């Protein structure tokens, strides 16, 4: 009788230890999943900041370069397209991320053309408002890059966690899947060519 009781106590202790370890690992995965979501939100915040700066930049350039209507139209259309796409971080598939990156890439290309307009208008280069907006836009581009880097680091940490044994078994049971990282767009290794 004493031996059965001791065995029962030992089994209960082992089960409690396993449950405690499982709960701890589950909480760790949830924490890293949240870190990925936060990092993604930071990426979106920086893209939104860029989208918010664009109308001011376009209006400033319009005052000097009235016949550049096609460039203004491209920037406005690319901005509208880029701000229409939203991605839920919990459903961030490679296809959705690629679509999101493509629209942001179109916006970057259109902005490049807009910034290049200043070369044809020396008085625009001297405009303090334009210079301030351009500096803010350049700073935002740097913030976007930094946010994407932090997002990729959070995804790497999360993906390592959900792939390691034995946590991967728990992750699969609980529905945690690997996340997609930002990657360079095809053709990013070539400098964009701006033509008017």
C-alpha atoms as a PDB file:
ATOM      1  CA  UNK A   1       0.000   0.000   0.000  1.00  0.00           C
ATOM      2  CA  UNK A   2       2.802   2.366   0.935  1.00  0.00           C
ATOM      3  CA  UNK A   3       4.638   1.518  -2.245  1.00  0.00           C
ATOM      4  CA  UNK A   4       1.583   2.264  -4.450  1.00  0.00           C
ATOM      5  CA  UNK A   5       1.099   5.579  -2.673  1.00  0.00           C
ATOM      6  CA  UNK A   6       4.771   6.485  -3.213  1.00  0.00           C
ATOM      7  CA  UNK A   7       4.506   5.544  -6.893  1.00  0.00           C
ATOM      8  CA  UNK A   8       1.334   7.611  -7.267  1.00  0.00           C
ATOM      9  CA  UNK A   9       3.010  10.620  -5.634  1.00  0.00           C
ATOM     10  CA  UNK A  10       6.049  10.225  -7.927  1.00  0.00           C
ATOM     11  CA  UNK A  11       3.812  10.059 -11.027  1.00  0.00           C
ATOM     12  CA  UNK A  12       1.867  13.135  -9.906  1.00  0.00           C
ATOM     13  CA  UNK A  13       5.103  15.065  -9.309  1.00  0.00           C
ATOM     14  CA  UNK A  14       6.443  14.079 -12.743  1.00  0.00           C
ATOM     15  CA  UNK A  15       3.173  15.089 -14.426  1.00  0.00           C
ATOM     16  CA  UNK A  16       3.197  18.433 -12.586  1.00  0.00           C
ATOM     17  CA  UNK A  17       6.795  19.058 -13.642  1.00  0.00           C
ATOM     18  CA  UNK A  18       5.976  18.256 -17.285  1.00  0.00           C
ATOM     19  CA  UNK A  19       2.861  20.430 -17.227  1.00  0.00           C
ATOM     20  CA  UNK A  20       4.842  23.269 -15.636  1.00  0.00           C
ATOM     21  CA  UNK A  21       7.595  22.996 -18.254  1.00  0.00           C
ATOM     22  CA  UNK A  22       5.011  22.837 -21.049  1.00  0.00           C
ATOM     23  CA  UNK A  23       3.210  25.901 -19.711  1.00  0.00           C
ATOM     24  CA  UNK A  24       6.490  27.768 -19.401  1.00  0.00           C
ATOM     25  CA  UNK A  25       7.467  26.940 -22.993  1.00  0.00           C
ATOM     26  CA  UNK A  26       3.993  27.836 -24.250  1.00  0.00           C
ATOM     27  CA  UNK A  27       4.226  31.219 -22.525  1.00  0.00           C
ATOM     28  CA  UNK A  28       7.655  31.745 -24.062  1.00  0.00           C
ATOM     29  CA  UNK A  29       6.274  31.086 -27.560  1.00  0.00           C
ATOM     30  CA  UNK A  30       3.361  33.460 -26.942  1.00  0.00           C
ATOM     31  CA  UNK A  31       5.795  36.124 -25.764  1.00  0.00           C
ATOM     32  CA  UNK A  32       7.889  35.797 -28.923  1.00  0.00           C
ATOM     33  CA  UNK A  33       4.768  35.739 -31.098  1.00  0.00           C
ATOM     34  CA  UNK A  34       3.763  39.053 -29.522  1.00  0.00           C
ATOM     35  CA  UNK A  35       7.256  40.430 -30.149  1.00  0.00           C
ATOM     36  CA  UNK A  36       6.830  39.612 -33.847  1.00  0.00           C
ATOM     37  CA  UNK A  37       3.414  41.321 -33.916  1.00  0.00           C
ATOM     38  CA  UNK A  38       4.844  44.405 -32.222  1.00  0.00           C
ATOM     39  CA  UNK A  39       7.784  44.526 -34.616  1.00  0.00           C
ATOM     40  CA  UNK A  40       5.363  44.271 -37.558  1.00  0.00           C
ATOM     41  CA  UNK A  41       3.247  47.095 -36.133  1.00  0.00           C
ATOM     42  CA  UNK A  42       6.402  49.216 -35.929  1.00  0.00           C
ATOM     43  CA  UNK A  43       7.127  48.520 -39.604  1.00  0.00           C
ATOM     44  CA  UNK A  44       3.603  49.588 -40.534  1.00  0.00           C
ATOM     45  CA  UNK A  45       3.923  52.725 -38.391  1.00  0.00           C
ATOM     46  CA  UNK A  46       7.004  53.826 -40.299  1.00  0.00           C
ATOM     47  CA  UNK A  47       5.347  53.150 -43.659  1.00  0.00           C
ATOM     48  CA  UNK A  48       2.353  55.187 -42.476  1.00  0.00           C
ATOM     49  CA  UNK A  49       4.661  58.025 -41.441  1.00  0.00           C
ATOM     50  CA  UNK A  50       6.114  58.027 -44.950  1.00  0.00           C
ATOM     51  CA  UNK A  51       2.638  58.002 -46.489  1.00  0.00           C
ATOM     52  CA  UNK A  52       1.659  60.965 -44.295  1.00  0.00           C
ATOM     53  CA  UNK A  53       4.685  62.998 -45.429  1.00  0.00           C
ATOM     54  CA  UNK A  54       4.092  62.436 -49.138  1.00  0.00           C
ATOM     55  CA  UNK A  55       1.165  64.870 -49.695  1.00  0.00           C
ATOM     56  CA  UNK A  56       3.192  67.709 -48.143  1.00  0.00           C
ATOM     57  CA  UNK A  57       6.186  66.889 -50.305  1.00  0.00           C
ATOM     58  CA  UNK A  58       4.066  66.658 -53.468  1.00  0.00           C
ATOM     59  CA  UNK A  59       2.348  69.969 -52.758  1.00  0.00           C
ATOM     60  CA  UNK A  60       5.668  71.705 -52.158  1.00  0.00           C
ATOM     61  CA  UNK A  61       7.125  70.405 -55.419  1.00  0.00           C
ATOM     62  CA  UNK A  62       3.896  71.208 -57.311  1.00  0.00           C
ATOM     63  CA  UNK A  63       4.367  74.872 -56.540  1.00  0.00           C
ATOM     64  CA  UNK A  64       7.647  74.885 -58.448  1.00  0.00           C
ATOM     65  CA  UNK A  65       7.175  72.225 -61.085  1.00  0.00           C
ATOM     66  CA  UNK A  66       3.695  72.597 -62.498  1.00  0.00           C
ATOM     67  CA  UNK A  67       4.381  70.632 -65.678  1.00  0.00           C
ATOM     68  CA  UNK A  68       5.489  67.472 -63.811  1.00  0.00           C
ATOM     69  CA  UNK A  69       1.861  66.305 -63.490  1.00  0.00           C
ATOM     70  CA  UNK A  70       2.646  62.720 -64.514  1.00  0.00           C
ATOM     71  CA  UNK A  71       5.174  62.381 -61.678  1.00  0.00           C
ATOM     72  CA  UNK A  72       2.667  63.782 -59.173  1.00  0.00           C
ATOM     73  CA  UNK A  73       0.002  61.396 -60.435  1.00  0.00           C
ATOM     74  CA  UNK A  74       2.344  58.395 -60.108  1.00  0.00           C
ATOM     75  CA  UNK A  75       3.265  59.324 -56.531  1.00  0.00           C
ATOM     76  CA  UNK A  76      -0.351  59.902 -55.541  1.00  0.00           C
ATOM     77  CA  UNK A  77      -1.527  56.632 -57.105  1.00  0.00           C
ATOM     78  CA  UNK A  78       1.335  54.641 -55.578  1.00  0.00           C
ATOM     79  CA  UNK A  79       0.628  56.157 -52.151  1.00  0.00           C
ATOM     80  CA  UNK A  80      -3.079  55.302 -52.429  1.00  0.00           C
ATOM     81  CA  UNK A  81      -2.280  51.742 -53.457  1.00  0.00           C
ATOM     82  CA  UNK A  82       0.297  51.296 -50.676  1.00  0.00           C
ATOM     83  CA  UNK A  83      -2.015  52.580 -47.951  1.00  0.00           C
ATOM     84  CA  UNK A  84      -4.880  50.311 -49.052  1.00  0.00           C
ATOM     85  CA  UNK A  85      -2.984  47.116 -48.292  1.00  0.00           C
ATOM     86  CA  UNK A  86      -2.967  46.082 -44.664  1.00  0.00           C
ATOM     87  CA  UNK A  87      -1.595  42.855 -43.320  1.00  0.00           C
ATOM     88  CA  UNK A  88      -2.650  41.167 -40.111  1.00  0.00           C
ATOM     89  CA  UNK A  89       0.563  39.980 -38.412  1.00  0.00           C
ATOM     90  CA  UNK A  90      -1.121  36.750 -37.319  1.00  0.00           C
ATOM     91  CA  UNK A  91      -1.872  35.936 -40.969  1.00  0.00           C
ATOM     92  CA  UNK A  92       1.364  37.167 -42.516  1.00  0.00           C
ATOM     93  CA  UNK A  93       1.874  34.709 -45.360  1.00  0.00           C
ATOM     94  CA  UNK A  94       4.782  34.933 -47.799  1.00  0.00           C
ATOM     95  CA  UNK A  95       2.321  35.972 -50.533  1.00  0.00           C
ATOM     96  CA  UNK A  96       0.809  38.791 -48.438  1.00  0.00           C
ATOM     97  CA  UNK A  97       4.264  40.035 -47.439  1.00  0.00           C
ATOM     98  CA  UNK A  98       5.394  39.971 -51.078  1.00  0.00           C
ATOM     99  CA  UNK A  99       2.294  41.937 -52.145  1.00  0.00           C
ATOM    100  CA  UNK A 100       2.859  44.445 -49.339  1.00  0.00           C
ATOM    101  CA  UNK A 101       6.520  44.857 -50.274  1.00  0.00           C
ATOM    102  CA  UNK A 102       5.638  45.277 -53.967  1.00  0.00           C
ATOM    103  CA  UNK A 103       3.270  48.181 -53.321  1.00  0.00           C
ATOM    104  CA  UNK A 104       5.767  49.824 -50.976  1.00  0.00           C
ATOM    105  CA  UNK A 105       8.449  49.342 -53.667  1.00  0.00           C
ATOM    106  CA  UNK A 106       6.256  51.097 -56.243  1.00  0.00           C
ATOM    107  CA  UNK A 107       5.844  53.990 -53.826  1.00  0.00           C
ATOM    108  CA  UNK A 108       9.608  54.169 -53.263  1.00  0.00           C
ATOM    109  CA  UNK A 109      10.217  54.293 -57.018  1.00  0.00           C
ATOM    110  CA  UNK A 110       7.628  57.049 -57.485  1.00  0.00           C
ATOM    111  CA  UNK A 111       9.176  59.027 -54.617  1.00  0.00           C
ATOM    112  CA  UNK A 112      12.579  58.654 -56.245  1.00  0.00           C
ATOM    113  CA  UNK A 113      11.216  60.323 -59.375  1.00  0.00           C
ATOM    114  CA  UNK A 114       9.681  63.097 -57.312  1.00  0.00           C
ATOM    115  CA  UNK A 115      12.934  63.779 -55.490  1.00  0.00           C
ATOM    116  CA  UNK A 116      14.780  63.772 -58.815  1.00  0.00           C
ATOM    117  CA  UNK A 117      12.525  66.608 -60.027  1.00  0.00           C
ATOM    118  CA  UNK A 118      14.439  68.966 -57.739  1.00  0.00           C
ATOM    119  CA  UNK A 119      17.498  68.687 -60.009  1.00  0.00           C
ATOM    120  CA  UNK A 120      15.581  70.588 -62.711  1.00  0.00           C
ATOM    121  CA  UNK A 121      14.458  73.347 -60.346  1.00  0.00           C
ATOM    122  CA  UNK A 122      17.285  75.134 -58.516  1.00  0.00           C
ATOM    123  CA  UNK A 123      14.810  77.364 -56.651  1.00  0.00           C
ATOM    124  CA  UNK A 124      13.137  74.201 -55.282  1.00  0.00           C
ATOM    125  CA  UNK A 125      16.469  72.979 -53.904  1.00  0.00           C
ATOM    126  CA  UNK A 126      16.783  76.261 -52.026  1.00  0.00           C
ATOM    127  CA  UNK A 127      13.263  76.027 -50.527  1.00  0.00           C
ATOM    128  CA  UNK A 128      13.581  75.333 -46.794  1.00  0.00           C
ATOM    129  CA  UNK A 129      10.199  73.601 -46.574  1.00  0.00           C
ATOM    130  CA  UNK A 130      11.178  71.198 -49.348  1.00  0.00           C
ATOM    131  CA  UNK A 131      14.554  70.546 -47.728  1.00  0.00           C
ATOM    132  CA  UNK A 132      12.899  69.844 -44.365  1.00  0.00           C
ATOM    133  CA  UNK A 133      10.381  67.472 -45.933  1.00  0.00           C
ATOM    134  CA  UNK A 134      13.110  65.696 -47.891  1.00  0.00           C
ATOM    135  CA  UNK A 135      15.169  65.273 -44.700  1.00  0.00           C
ATOM    136  CA  UNK A 136      12.126  63.902 -42.872  1.00  0.00           C
ATOM    137  CA  UNK A 137      11.446  61.496 -45.719  1.00  0.00           C
ATOM    138  CA  UNK A 138      15.062  60.294 -45.731  1.00  0.00           C
ATOM    139  CA  UNK A 139      14.885  59.819 -41.964  1.00  0.00           C
ATOM    140  CA  UNK A 140      11.665  57.875 -42.371  1.00  0.00           C
ATOM    141  CA  UNK A 141      13.274  55.620 -44.970  1.00  0.00           C
ATOM    142  CA  UNK A 142      16.029  54.880 -42.450  1.00  0.00           C
ATOM    143  CA  UNK A 143      13.411  54.151 -39.779  1.00  0.00           C
ATOM    144  CA  UNK A 144      11.595  51.816 -42.165  1.00  0.00           C
ATOM    145  CA  UNK A 145      14.818  49.928 -42.785  1.00  0.00           C
ATOM    146  CA  UNK A 146      15.540  49.722 -39.050  1.00  0.00           C
ATOM    147  CA  UNK A 147      11.990  48.542 -38.323  1.00  0.00           C
ATOM    148  CA  UNK A 148      12.252  45.833 -40.981  1.00  0.00           C
ATOM    149  CA  UNK A 149      15.561  44.718 -39.472  1.00  0.00           C
ATOM    150  CA  UNK A 150      14.021  44.502 -35.991  1.00  0.00           C
ATOM    151  CA  UNK A 151      11.047  42.630 -37.424  1.00  0.00           C
ATOM    152  CA  UNK A 152      13.368  40.110 -39.079  1.00  0.00           C
ATOM    153  CA  UNK A 153      15.253  39.660 -35.798  1.00  0.00           C
ATOM    154  CA  UNK A 154      11.994  39.025 -33.920  1.00  0.00           C
ATOM    155  CA  UNK A 155      10.901  36.546 -36.605  1.00  0.00           C
ATOM    156  CA  UNK A 156      14.262  34.764 -36.430  1.00  0.00           C
ATOM    157  CA  UNK A 157      14.004  34.379 -32.653  1.00  0.00           C
ATOM    158  CA  UNK A 158      10.403  33.180 -32.906  1.00  0.00           C
ATOM    159  CA  UNK A 159      11.128  30.752 -35.759  1.00  0.00           C
ATOM    160  CA  UNK A 160      14.058  29.264 -33.856  1.00  0.00           C
ATOM    161  CA  UNK A 161      11.817  28.751 -30.842  1.00  0.00           C
ATOM    162  CA  UNK A 162       9.015  26.990 -32.720  1.00  0.00           C
ATOM    163  CA  UNK A 163      11.445  24.764 -34.653  1.00  0.00           C
ATOM    164  CA  UNK A 164      13.538  23.501 -31.722  1.00  0.00           C
ATOM    165  CA  UNK A 165      12.840  20.075 -30.268  1.00  0.00           C
ATOM    166  CA  UNK A 166      10.804  19.352 -28.126  1.00  0.00           C
ATOM    167  CA  UNK A 167       9.147  22.775 -28.210  1.00  0.00           C
ATOM    168  CA  UNK A 168       8.269  22.240 -31.863  1.00  0.00           C
ATOM    169  CA  UNK A 169       5.857  19.478 -30.789  1.00  0.00           C
ATOM    170  CA  UNK A 170       4.059  21.839 -28.429  1.00  0.00           C
ATOM    171  CA  UNK A 171       4.104  24.634 -31.021  1.00  0.00           C
ATOM    172  CA  UNK A 172       2.484  22.395 -33.644  1.00  0.00           C
ATOM    173  CA  UNK A 173      -0.146  21.208 -31.179  1.00  0.00           C
ATOM    174  CA  UNK A 174      -0.996  24.816 -30.291  1.00  0.00           C
ATOM    175  CA  UNK A 175      -1.024  26.029 -33.913  1.00  0.00           C
ATOM    176  CA  UNK A 176       2.115  28.176 -33.862  1.00  0.00           C
ATOM    177  CA  UNK A 177       3.704  28.270 -37.310  1.00  0.00           C
ATOM    178  CA  UNK A 178       6.847  29.880 -38.669  1.00  0.00           C
ATOM    179  CA  UNK A 179       6.634  33.551 -39.676  1.00  0.00           C
ATOM    180  CA  UNK A 180       7.841  35.147 -42.905  1.00  0.00           C
ATOM    181  CA  UNK A 181      10.776  37.548 -42.986  1.00  0.00           C
ATOM    182  CA  UNK A 182      11.216  40.645 -45.115  1.00  0.00           C
ATOM    183  CA  UNK A 183      13.456  39.923 -48.069  1.00  0.00           C
ATOM    184  CA  UNK A 184      14.916  42.179 -50.706  1.00  0.00           C
ATOM    185  CA  UNK A 185      12.694  42.579 -53.719  1.00  0.00           C
ATOM    186  CA  UNK A 186      13.843  41.102 -56.976  1.00  0.00           C
ATOM    187  CA  UNK A 187      15.944  43.638 -58.824  1.00  0.00           C
ATOM    188  CA  UNK A 188      16.860  45.472 -55.608  1.00  0.00           C
ATOM    189  CA  UNK A 189      20.527  44.866 -56.327  1.00  0.00           C
ATOM    190  CA  UNK A 190      20.299  47.296 -59.275  1.00  0.00           C
ATOM    191  CA  UNK A 191      20.069  51.034 -58.730  1.00  0.00           C
ATOM    192  CA  UNK A 192      16.746  52.444 -59.944  1.00  0.00           C
ATOM    193  CA  UNK A 193      16.889  54.452 -63.157  1.00  0.00           C
ATOM    194  CA  UNK A 194      14.966  57.710 -63.057  1.00  0.00           C
ATOM    195  CA  UNK A 195      13.838  59.151 -66.411  1.00  0.00           C
ATOM    196  CA  UNK A 196      11.722  62.140 -67.284  1.00  0.00           C
END
